[in-house]
Every structure is written in structure tokens, then in C-alpha cells.
Amino acid sequence: MTESNFCYFLVTHGSRNPSAVEFLQNIVNLAQAKSLSLVGGGLLEGQELSLSQQLSNFGKIARSHGYSQVLVLPVFLLAGIHVYADIPEQIAIAQTDLSDLEIKIAPHFGTYPEITPLLKSKFLFKSQERSPAKILLAHGSRRLETTHYLENLAQDLKAIPAYWAIAPNLETQIEHLIKLGQTEMTILPYFLATGGIIEAVESKISQYSQYSTQINLLELPFTPEAIATLVIKFAREFTENYLN
């Protein structure tokens, strides 16, 4: 059996903002160009059709193309309630409608082995001449396992963590570094897509313009092209290991 026996279904968070659909479709198109297998996708939130319905529709198309197995790939950085509960629940519902297809779920995007080295390279690129203080900014989660993961990731990057949804937030960590006498700091946003949060982060950073501290906000670490490349690479390796 080869990669072509599996088709791939990418899942993103989604929202009612049309940009969420564009983001997913862009990744799906890029991933399709890199794969011999059929590639589709669905959004967990913000759509008229539930994720299970989107997956069922894709499964029927896949079946008509001769596929018997679907690999669901959650494109999520953190393992919160969506990854642990919502997506598996929606897959289970879709499976009842696709009894002749085997649906397998892969680990989420944030577990890919290339993630940490890629984040390190982003910080190093900005810090070639200097060694500013570093902040890893993530959405955050009330799950202790996720918080511990982010704390360990930040430590591995020689950074301190800041969160959008929980404490300590970005302002707290910026002010902490200012009090320590830091004259420069670099913030790496640990998000997959631009949107309202990034605009709000830029606004918050601008509030510190009166200080003598230079605050650099890096671009998002993952371009759509990079996401698609990593997803297809991981999918191939996962299916090979699964089949062996």
C-alpha cells in the first residue's frame, strides 16, 4: 500500500470571518499540489455545516475516487478541548455515515518534530547581532498539560511565555522585562494565521512607545506554504508507519 490509499482531510479552527475559509482553502490547495492523494479540509467552527457533515461530504467524494481510508489532520498548534474532544467527537459522528471508510486521526500540527527547530530559527534570525529578551506569545489554555507544554517550549527557546487568554498576559511580561532593565525584546507570536489577535498585539505594543525599550514583533512563524509542506510530510510518514 502507498500514500495514494489514504486521502487527507485538514481541519482548522474556523470562524465566521471569511478569511478563515480562505486560510483553509489556501492550505488545502498548496497541500494538494504536494501530494498524490486527494486532499480536502473542514472548519470546526463558524460554518453552516458541522465538521462531521463537512467530513462526510469529503468522504463520499473520496469513496467515489476509490479511497477506503481518510486521515484527518488537525492543523492546531495546541492540544486544547478542540483537539482532545471536539474533533474526535465530530469524526465519530461522520464515521457512522461513512461505515465503509476507515477514518484515522493524526496528532495535531503542534506535535510535529520540525516545529521547535523552526521557532528557534525565527528567534536566531532576529538575534544574530544582539541577544534581546524573548517572549513566546501563545493563545494559552486552561488545560495544565497545555500550559506546561508552552512553558517547556518557551524554556527551550530561552524565552518567557505570555498568553492571550490567560495569565501572565503580554503586558505583564513586557513590564516585567522593562523592570529588569531590558532595552530590547523580541516577541514571537505562536499563531497560525493573522487576524484580530495580531492587530490587537500590535496595538498593545504601541502603548510602550514612550519607554526606552525597543520591542520587536516577529512575523508569524508559519507561512501557508510551510504549513502545507509540514502537513503533507507528516501525513506521508504517519501513513507509512501506520501501514507498517
C-alpha atoms as a PDB file:
ATOM      1  CA  MET A   1       0.000   0.000   0.000  1.00  0.00           C
ATOM      2  CA  THR A   2       1.184   3.548  -0.748  1.00  0.00           C
ATOM      3  CA  GLU A   3       0.294   7.114   0.091  1.00  0.00           C
ATOM      4  CA  SER A   4      -2.469   7.033  -2.547  1.00  0.00           C
ATOM      5  CA  ASN A   5      -4.517   4.600  -0.424  1.00  0.00           C
ATOM      6  CA  PHE A   6      -5.082   7.386   2.075  1.00  0.00           C
ATOM      7  CA  CYS A   7      -6.740  10.688   1.370  1.00  0.00           C
ATOM      8  CA  TYR A   8      -6.179  13.648   3.673  1.00  0.00           C
ATOM      9  CA  PHE A   9      -8.648  15.921   5.442  1.00  0.00           C
ATOM     10  CA  LEU A  10      -7.187  19.015   7.098  1.00  0.00           C
ATOM     11  CA  VAL A  11      -9.082  20.632   9.986  1.00  0.00           C
ATOM     12  CA  THR A  12      -8.648  24.224  11.146  1.00  0.00           C
ATOM     13  CA  HIS A  13     -10.407  26.155  13.902  1.00  0.00           C
ATOM     14  CA  GLY A  14     -12.528  28.357  11.662  1.00  0.00           C
ATOM     15  CA  SER A  15     -14.714  31.363  12.394  1.00  0.00           C
ATOM     16  CA  ARG A  16     -17.464  33.398  10.748  1.00  0.00           C
ATOM     17  CA  ASN A  17     -14.820  35.633   9.225  1.00  0.00           C
ATOM     18  CA  PRO A  18     -14.428  34.784   5.502  1.00  0.00           C
ATOM     19  CA  SER A  19     -10.658  34.898   5.958  1.00  0.00           C
ATOM     20  CA  ALA A  20     -10.871  31.634   7.931  1.00  0.00           C
ATOM     21  CA  VAL A  21     -12.286  29.844   4.888  1.00  0.00           C
ATOM     22  CA  GLU A  22      -9.653  31.440   2.658  1.00  0.00           C
ATOM     23  CA  PHE A  23      -6.897  30.364   5.046  1.00  0.00           C
ATOM     24  CA  LEU A  24      -8.018  26.722   4.996  1.00  0.00           C
ATOM     25  CA  GLN A  25      -8.619  26.630   1.260  1.00  0.00           C
ATOM     26  CA  ASN A  26      -5.184  28.092   0.588  1.00  0.00           C
ATOM     27  CA  ILE A  27      -3.519  25.421   2.706  1.00  0.00           C
ATOM     28  CA  VAL A  28      -5.607  22.669   1.107  1.00  0.00           C
ATOM     29  CA  ASN A  29      -4.681  23.865  -2.388  1.00  0.00           C
ATOM     30  CA  LEU A  30      -0.988  24.057  -1.501  1.00  0.00           C
ATOM     31  CA  ALA A  31      -1.113  20.637   0.143  1.00  0.00           C
ATOM     32  CA  GLN A  32      -2.908  19.118  -2.850  1.00  0.00           C
ATOM     33  CA  ALA A  33      -0.118  20.368  -5.109  1.00  0.00           C
ATOM     34  CA  LYS A  34       2.392  18.486  -2.935  1.00  0.00           C
ATOM     35  CA  SER A  35       0.507  15.203  -2.687  1.00  0.00           C
ATOM     36  CA  LEU A  36      -0.589  12.412  -4.997  1.00  0.00           C
ATOM     37  CA  SER A  37      -3.512  11.766  -2.669  1.00  0.00           C
ATOM     38  CA  LEU A  38      -6.809  13.608  -2.582  1.00  0.00           C
ATOM     39  CA  VAL A  39      -6.735  16.497  -0.100  1.00  0.00           C
ATOM     40  CA  GLY A  40      -9.714  18.265   1.435  1.00  0.00           C
ATOM     41  CA  GLY A  41     -10.490  20.241   4.540  1.00  0.00           C
ATOM     42  CA  GLY A  42     -13.058  21.432   7.034  1.00  0.00           C
ATOM     43  CA  LEU A  43     -13.548  24.076   9.690  1.00  0.00           C
ATOM     44  CA  LEU A  44     -14.568  23.265  13.235  1.00  0.00           C
ATOM     45  CA  GLU A  45     -16.470  26.492  13.873  1.00  0.00           C
ATOM     46  CA  GLY A  46     -18.290  29.265  12.038  1.00  0.00           C
ATOM     47  CA  GLN A  47     -19.831  27.226   9.214  1.00  0.00           C
ATOM     48  CA  GLU A  48     -23.400  26.256   8.352  1.00  0.00           C
ATOM     49  CA  LEU A  49     -22.327  22.625   8.095  1.00  0.00           C
ATOM     50  CA  SER A  50     -20.855  20.922  11.144  1.00  0.00           C
ATOM     51  CA  LEU A  51     -17.370  19.460  10.863  1.00  0.00           C
ATOM     52  CA  SER A  52     -18.903  15.967  10.760  1.00  0.00           C
ATOM     53  CA  GLN A  53     -21.031  16.983   7.768  1.00  0.00           C
ATOM     54  CA  GLN A  54     -18.052  18.515   6.005  1.00  0.00           C
ATOM     55  CA  LEU A  55     -16.061  15.346   6.620  1.00  0.00           C
ATOM     56  CA  SER A  56     -18.950  13.146   5.432  1.00  0.00           C
ATOM     57  CA  ASN A  57     -19.205  15.127   2.202  1.00  0.00           C
ATOM     58  CA  PHE A  58     -15.477  14.798   1.627  1.00  0.00           C
ATOM     59  CA  GLY A  59     -15.601  11.093   2.453  1.00  0.00           C
ATOM     60  CA  LYS A  60     -18.248  10.474  -0.186  1.00  0.00           C
ATOM     61  CA  ILE A  61     -16.105  12.225  -2.780  1.00  0.00           C
ATOM     62  CA  ALA A  62     -13.078  10.218  -1.643  1.00  0.00           C
ATOM     63  CA  ARG A  63     -15.067   6.990  -1.886  1.00  0.00           C
ATOM     64  CA  SER A  64     -16.083   7.833  -5.452  1.00  0.00           C
ATOM     65  CA  HIS A  65     -12.379   8.175  -6.260  1.00  0.00           C
ATOM     66  CA  GLY A  66     -11.644   4.735  -4.869  1.00  0.00           C
ATOM     67  CA  TYR A  67     -10.264   5.653  -1.449  1.00  0.00           C
ATOM     68  CA  SER A  68     -11.005   3.473   1.541  1.00  0.00           C
ATOM     69  CA  GLN A  69      -9.105   5.412   4.233  1.00  0.00           C
ATOM     70  CA  VAL A  70      -9.219   9.034   5.383  1.00  0.00           C
ATOM     71  CA  LEU A  71      -6.527  10.610   7.531  1.00  0.00           C
ATOM     72  CA  VAL A  72      -7.763  13.632   9.483  1.00  0.00           C
ATOM     73  CA  LEU A  73      -5.001  16.138  10.208  1.00  0.00           C
ATOM     74  CA  PRO A  74      -5.838  18.753  12.882  1.00  0.00           C
ATOM     75  CA  VAL A  75      -3.968  21.942  11.980  1.00  0.00           C
ATOM     76  CA  PHE A  76      -3.833  23.195  15.578  1.00  0.00           C
ATOM     77  CA  LEU A  77      -0.781  24.351  17.497  1.00  0.00           C
ATOM     78  CA  LEU A  78      -2.089  23.453  20.949  1.00  0.00           C
ATOM     79  CA  ALA A  79      -3.910  20.418  22.299  1.00  0.00           C
ATOM     80  CA  GLY A  80      -6.933  22.003  23.923  1.00  0.00           C
ATOM     81  CA  ILE A  81     -10.553  20.915  24.094  1.00  0.00           C
ATOM     82  CA  HIS A  82     -10.898  21.103  20.307  1.00  0.00           C
ATOM     83  CA  VAL A  83      -8.114  18.579  19.696  1.00  0.00           C
ATOM     84  CA  TYR A  84      -8.915  16.264  22.595  1.00  0.00           C
ATOM     85  CA  ALA A  85     -12.709  16.263  22.446  1.00  0.00           C
ATOM     86  CA  ASP A  86     -14.454  18.262  19.717  1.00  0.00           C
ATOM     87  CA  ILE A  87     -12.661  16.906  16.656  1.00  0.00           C
ATOM     88  CA  PRO A  88     -12.768  13.217  17.757  1.00  0.00           C
ATOM     89  CA  GLU A  89     -16.460  13.634  18.528  1.00  0.00           C
ATOM     90  CA  GLN A  90     -17.149  15.029  15.055  1.00  0.00           C
ATOM     91  CA  ILE A  91     -15.108  12.257  13.452  1.00  0.00           C
ATOM     92  CA  ALA A  92     -17.119   9.640  15.335  1.00  0.00           C
ATOM     93  CA  ILE A  93     -20.339  11.151  14.003  1.00  0.00           C
ATOM     94  CA  ALA A  94     -19.008  11.198  10.447  1.00  0.00           C
ATOM     95  CA  GLN A  95     -17.818   7.607  10.774  1.00  0.00           C
ATOM     96  CA  THR A  96     -21.399   6.442  11.285  1.00  0.00           C
ATOM     97  CA  ASP A  97     -22.232   7.963   7.899  1.00  0.00           C
ATOM     98  CA  LEU A  98     -19.128   6.521   6.260  1.00  0.00           C
ATOM     99  CA  SER A  99     -19.176   2.956   7.529  1.00  0.00           C
ATOM    100  CA  ASP A 100     -17.259   1.656   4.518  1.00  0.00           C
ATOM    101  CA  LEU A 101     -14.376   4.110   5.079  1.00  0.00           C
ATOM    102  CA  GLU A 102     -11.764   3.943   7.805  1.00  0.00           C
ATOM    103  CA  ILE A 103     -11.166   7.369   9.376  1.00  0.00           C
ATOM    104  CA  LYS A 104      -7.899   7.786  11.212  1.00  0.00           C
ATOM    105  CA  ILE A 105      -6.875  10.902  13.162  1.00  0.00           C
ATOM    106  CA  ALA A 106      -3.260  12.076  13.243  1.00  0.00           C
ATOM    107  CA  PRO A 107      -1.539  14.031  16.032  1.00  0.00           C
ATOM    108  CA  HIS A 108      -2.079  17.795  15.802  1.00  0.00           C
ATOM    109  CA  PHE A 109       0.258  20.168  13.986  1.00  0.00           C
ATOM    110  CA  GLY A 110       1.959  21.434  17.152  1.00  0.00           C
ATOM    111  CA  THR A 111       3.479  17.982  17.789  1.00  0.00           C
ATOM    112  CA  TYR A 112       5.422  17.868  14.524  1.00  0.00           C
ATOM    113  CA  PRO A 113       9.159  17.446  15.190  1.00  0.00           C
ATOM    114  CA  GLU A 114      10.102  20.366  12.913  1.00  0.00           C
ATOM    115  CA  ILE A 115       8.186  22.940  14.991  1.00  0.00           C
ATOM    116  CA  THR A 116      10.730  23.691  17.744  1.00  0.00           C
ATOM    117  CA  PRO A 117      13.742  23.997  15.398  1.00  0.00           C
ATOM    118  CA  LEU A 118      11.709  26.300  13.166  1.00  0.00           C
ATOM    119  CA  LEU A 119      10.801  28.548  16.112  1.00  0.00           C
ATOM    120  CA  LYS A 120      14.432  28.659  17.201  1.00  0.00           C
ATOM    121  CA  SER A 121      15.464  29.741  13.721  1.00  0.00           C
ATOM    122  CA  LYS A 122      12.998  32.640  13.830  1.00  0.00           C
ATOM    123  CA  PHE A 123      14.430  33.936  17.091  1.00  0.00           C
ATOM    124  CA  LEU A 124      18.027  33.400  15.936  1.00  0.00           C
ATOM    125  CA  PHE A 125      17.426  35.270  12.685  1.00  0.00           C
ATOM    126  CA  LYS A 126      16.358  38.349  14.627  1.00  0.00           C
ATOM    127  CA  SER A 127      19.093  37.945  17.240  1.00  0.00           C
ATOM    128  CA  GLN A 128      22.157  37.453  15.037  1.00  0.00           C
ATOM    129  CA  GLU A 129      23.843  40.648  16.234  1.00  0.00           C
ATOM    130  CA  ARG A 130      22.237  41.098  19.652  1.00  0.00           C
ATOM    131  CA  SER A 131      20.622  38.941  22.292  1.00  0.00           C
ATOM    132  CA  PRO A 132      17.376  40.688  23.222  1.00  0.00           C
ATOM    133  CA  ALA A 133      14.963  39.287  25.759  1.00  0.00           C
ATOM    134  CA  LYS A 134      12.499  36.913  24.119  1.00  0.00           C
ATOM    135  CA  ILE A 135       8.773  36.374  24.637  1.00  0.00           C
ATOM    136  CA  LEU A 136       6.817  33.466  23.182  1.00  0.00           C
ATOM    137  CA  LEU A 137       3.229  34.678  22.813  1.00  0.00           C
ATOM    138  CA  ALA A 138       0.572  31.961  22.553  1.00  0.00           C
ATOM    139  CA  HIS A 139      -3.185  31.860  22.923  1.00  0.00           C
ATOM    140  CA  GLY A 140      -2.943  29.802  26.091  1.00  0.00           C
ATOM    141  CA  SER A 141      -5.243  27.200  27.572  1.00  0.00           C
ATOM    142  CA  ARG A 142      -6.707  26.354  30.951  1.00  0.00           C
ATOM    143  CA  ARG A 143      -5.516  22.782  30.465  1.00  0.00           C
ATOM    144  CA  LEU A 144      -2.497  22.294  32.727  1.00  0.00           C
ATOM    145  CA  GLU A 145      -0.894  19.933  30.225  1.00  0.00           C
ATOM    146  CA  THR A 146      -1.012  22.625  27.540  1.00  0.00           C
ATOM    147  CA  THR A 147       0.354  25.297  29.876  1.00  0.00           C
ATOM    148  CA  HIS A 148       3.224  23.019  30.894  1.00  0.00           C
ATOM    149  CA  TYR A 149       3.941  22.321  27.240  1.00  0.00           C
ATOM    150  CA  LEU A 150       4.146  26.035  26.442  1.00  0.00           C
ATOM    151  CA  GLU A 151       6.323  26.725  29.478  1.00  0.00           C
ATOM    152  CA  ASN A 152       8.728  23.979  28.416  1.00  0.00           C
ATOM    153  CA  LEU A 153       8.697  25.202  24.826  1.00  0.00           C
ATOM    154  CA  ALA A 154       9.476  28.755  25.915  1.00  0.00           C
ATOM    155  CA  GLN A 155      12.303  27.483  28.124  1.00  0.00           C
ATOM    156  CA  ASP A 156      13.721  25.505  25.225  1.00  0.00           C
ATOM    157  CA  LEU A 157      13.666  28.716  23.156  1.00  0.00           C
ATOM    158  CA  LYS A 158      15.322  30.664  26.014  1.00  0.00           C
ATOM    159  CA  ALA A 159      12.200  32.818  26.146  1.00  0.00           C
ATOM    160  CA  ILE A 160       9.471  33.583  28.665  1.00  0.00           C
ATOM    161  CA  PRO A 161       5.838  32.684  27.883  1.00  0.00           C
ATOM    162  CA  ALA A 162       2.984  35.146  27.569  1.00  0.00           C
ATOM    163  CA  TYR A 163      -0.629  34.263  26.845  1.00  0.00           C
ATOM    164  CA  TRP A 164      -3.558  35.920  25.173  1.00  0.00           C
ATOM    165  CA  ALA A 165      -6.334  34.129  27.062  1.00  0.00           C
ATOM    166  CA  ILE A 166      -4.808  33.504  30.496  1.00  0.00           C
ATOM    167  CA  ALA A 167      -2.181  34.951  32.839  1.00  0.00           C
ATOM    168  CA  PRO A 168       0.552  36.012  32.538  1.00  0.00           C
ATOM    169  CA  ASN A 169      -0.523  38.184  29.620  1.00  0.00           C
ATOM    170  CA  LEU A 170       1.692  40.101  27.215  1.00  0.00           C
ATOM    171  CA  GLU A 171       1.569  43.385  29.135  1.00  0.00           C
ATOM    172  CA  THR A 172       2.641  41.658  32.348  1.00  0.00           C
ATOM    173  CA  GLN A 173       5.663  40.076  30.704  1.00  0.00           C
ATOM    174  CA  ILE A 174       6.690  43.227  28.832  1.00  0.00           C
ATOM    175  CA  GLU A 175       6.526  45.273  32.026  1.00  0.00           C
ATOM    176  CA  HIS A 176       8.438  42.559  33.878  1.00  0.00           C
ATOM    177  CA  LEU A 177      11.278  42.775  31.371  1.00  0.00           C
ATOM    178  CA  ILE A 178      11.247  46.581  31.437  1.00  0.00           C
ATOM    179  CA  LYS A 179      11.626  46.500  35.225  1.00  0.00           C
ATOM    180  CA  LEU A 180      14.594  44.165  34.791  1.00  0.00           C
ATOM    181  CA  GLY A 181      16.224  46.870  32.673  1.00  0.00           C
ATOM    182  CA  GLN A 182      15.885  45.176  29.292  1.00  0.00           C
ATOM    183  CA  THR A 183      16.438  47.675  26.481  1.00  0.00           C
ATOM    184  CA  GLU A 184      15.263  45.360  23.716  1.00  0.00           C
ATOM    185  CA  MET A 185      12.851  42.469  23.488  1.00  0.00           C
ATOM    186  CA  THR A 186      11.543  40.263  20.703  1.00  0.00           C
ATOM    187  CA  ILE A 187       8.066  38.756  20.614  1.00  0.00           C
ATOM    188  CA  LEU A 188       7.319  35.649  18.567  1.00  0.00           C
ATOM    189  CA  PRO A 189       3.561  35.133  18.059  1.00  0.00           C
ATOM    190  CA  TYR A 190       2.806  31.416  18.239  1.00  0.00           C
ATOM    191  CA  PHE A 191      -0.230  31.501  15.969  1.00  0.00           C
ATOM    192  CA  LEU A 192      -1.037  30.009  12.596  1.00  0.00           C
ATOM    193  CA  ALA A 193      -2.840  32.904  10.946  1.00  0.00           C
ATOM    194  CA  THR A 194      -3.053  36.661  11.105  1.00  0.00           C
ATOM    195  CA  GLY A 195      -6.248  38.250  12.349  1.00  0.00           C
ATOM    196  CA  GLY A 196      -7.758  40.285  15.124  1.00  0.00           C
ATOM    197  CA  ILE A 197      -5.390  38.986  17.789  1.00  0.00           C
ATOM    198  CA  ILE A 198      -2.271  40.053  15.902  1.00  0.00           C
ATOM    199  CA  GLU A 199      -3.755  43.501  15.269  1.00  0.00           C
ATOM    200  CA  ALA A 200      -4.536  43.777  18.982  1.00  0.00           C
ATOM    201  CA  VAL A 201      -0.978  42.710  19.859  1.00  0.00           C
ATOM    202  CA  GLU A 202       0.428  45.452  17.634  1.00  0.00           C
ATOM    203  CA  SER A 203      -1.835  47.958  19.388  1.00  0.00           C
ATOM    204  CA  LYS A 204      -0.659  46.819  22.830  1.00  0.00           C
ATOM    205  CA  ILE A 205       2.988  47.068  21.827  1.00  0.00           C
ATOM    206  CA  SER A 206       2.469  50.627  20.580  1.00  0.00           C
ATOM    207  CA  GLN A 207       1.443  51.623  24.114  1.00  0.00           C
ATOM    208  CA  TYR A 208       5.070  51.192  25.202  1.00  0.00           C
ATOM    209  CA  SER A 209       6.483  53.620  22.648  1.00  0.00           C
ATOM    210  CA  GLN A 210       7.288  56.143  25.400  1.00  0.00           C
ATOM    211  CA  TYR A 211       9.715  53.709  27.016  1.00  0.00           C
ATOM    212  CA  SER A 212      13.351  53.445  26.001  1.00  0.00           C
ATOM    213  CA  THR A 213      12.848  49.739  25.322  1.00  0.00           C
ATOM    214  CA  GLN A 214      12.723  48.537  21.723  1.00  0.00           C
ATOM    215  CA  ILE A 215      10.019  45.919  21.185  1.00  0.00           C
ATOM    216  CA  ASN A 216      10.210  43.812  18.033  1.00  0.00           C
ATOM    217  CA  LEU A 217       7.199  41.774  16.899  1.00  0.00           C
ATOM    218  CA  LEU A 218       8.251  38.968  14.585  1.00  0.00           C
ATOM    219  CA  GLU A 219       6.119  37.732  11.733  1.00  0.00           C
ATOM    220  CA  LEU A 220       4.110  34.555  12.207  1.00  0.00           C
ATOM    221  CA  PRO A 221       6.488  31.586  12.125  1.00  0.00           C
ATOM    222  CA  PHE A 222       4.414  29.548   9.678  1.00  0.00           C
ATOM    223  CA  THR A 223       3.537  30.648   6.159  1.00  0.00           C
ATOM    224  CA  PRO A 224       0.702  28.774   4.397  1.00  0.00           C
ATOM    225  CA  GLU A 225       3.350  27.169   2.190  1.00  0.00           C
ATOM    226  CA  ALA A 226       5.283  25.952   5.229  1.00  0.00           C
ATOM    227  CA  ILE A 227       2.135  24.629   6.889  1.00  0.00           C
ATOM    228  CA  ALA A 228       1.162  22.688   3.777  1.00  0.00           C
ATOM    229  CA  THR A 229       4.670  21.280   3.382  1.00  0.00           C
ATOM    230  CA  LEU A 230       4.843  20.117   7.000  1.00  0.00           C
ATOM    231  CA  VAL A 231       1.333  18.645   6.949  1.00  0.00           C
ATOM    232  CA  ILE A 232       1.945  16.548   3.836  1.00  0.00           C
ATOM    233  CA  LYS A 233       5.362  15.414   5.054  1.00  0.00           C
ATOM    234  CA  PHE A 234       3.863  14.365   8.377  1.00  0.00           C
ATOM    235  CA  ALA A 235       0.899  12.669   6.678  1.00  0.00           C
ATOM    236  CA  ARG A 236       3.182  10.582   4.483  1.00  0.00           C
ATOM    237  CA  GLU A 237       5.324   9.496   7.417  1.00  0.00           C
ATOM    238  CA  PHE A 238       2.284   8.791   9.572  1.00  0.00           C
ATOM    239  CA  THR A 239       0.578   6.611   6.971  1.00  0.00           C
ATOM    240  CA  GLU A 240       3.804   4.728   6.280  1.00  0.00           C
ATOM    241  CA  ASN A 241       4.243   3.961   9.981  1.00  0.00           C
ATOM    242  CA  TYR A 242       0.558   3.105  10.331  1.00  0.00           C
ATOM    243  CA  LEU A 243       0.695   0.669   7.444  1.00  0.00           C
ATOM    244  CA  ASN A 244       3.886  -0.935   8.693  1.00  0.00           C
END
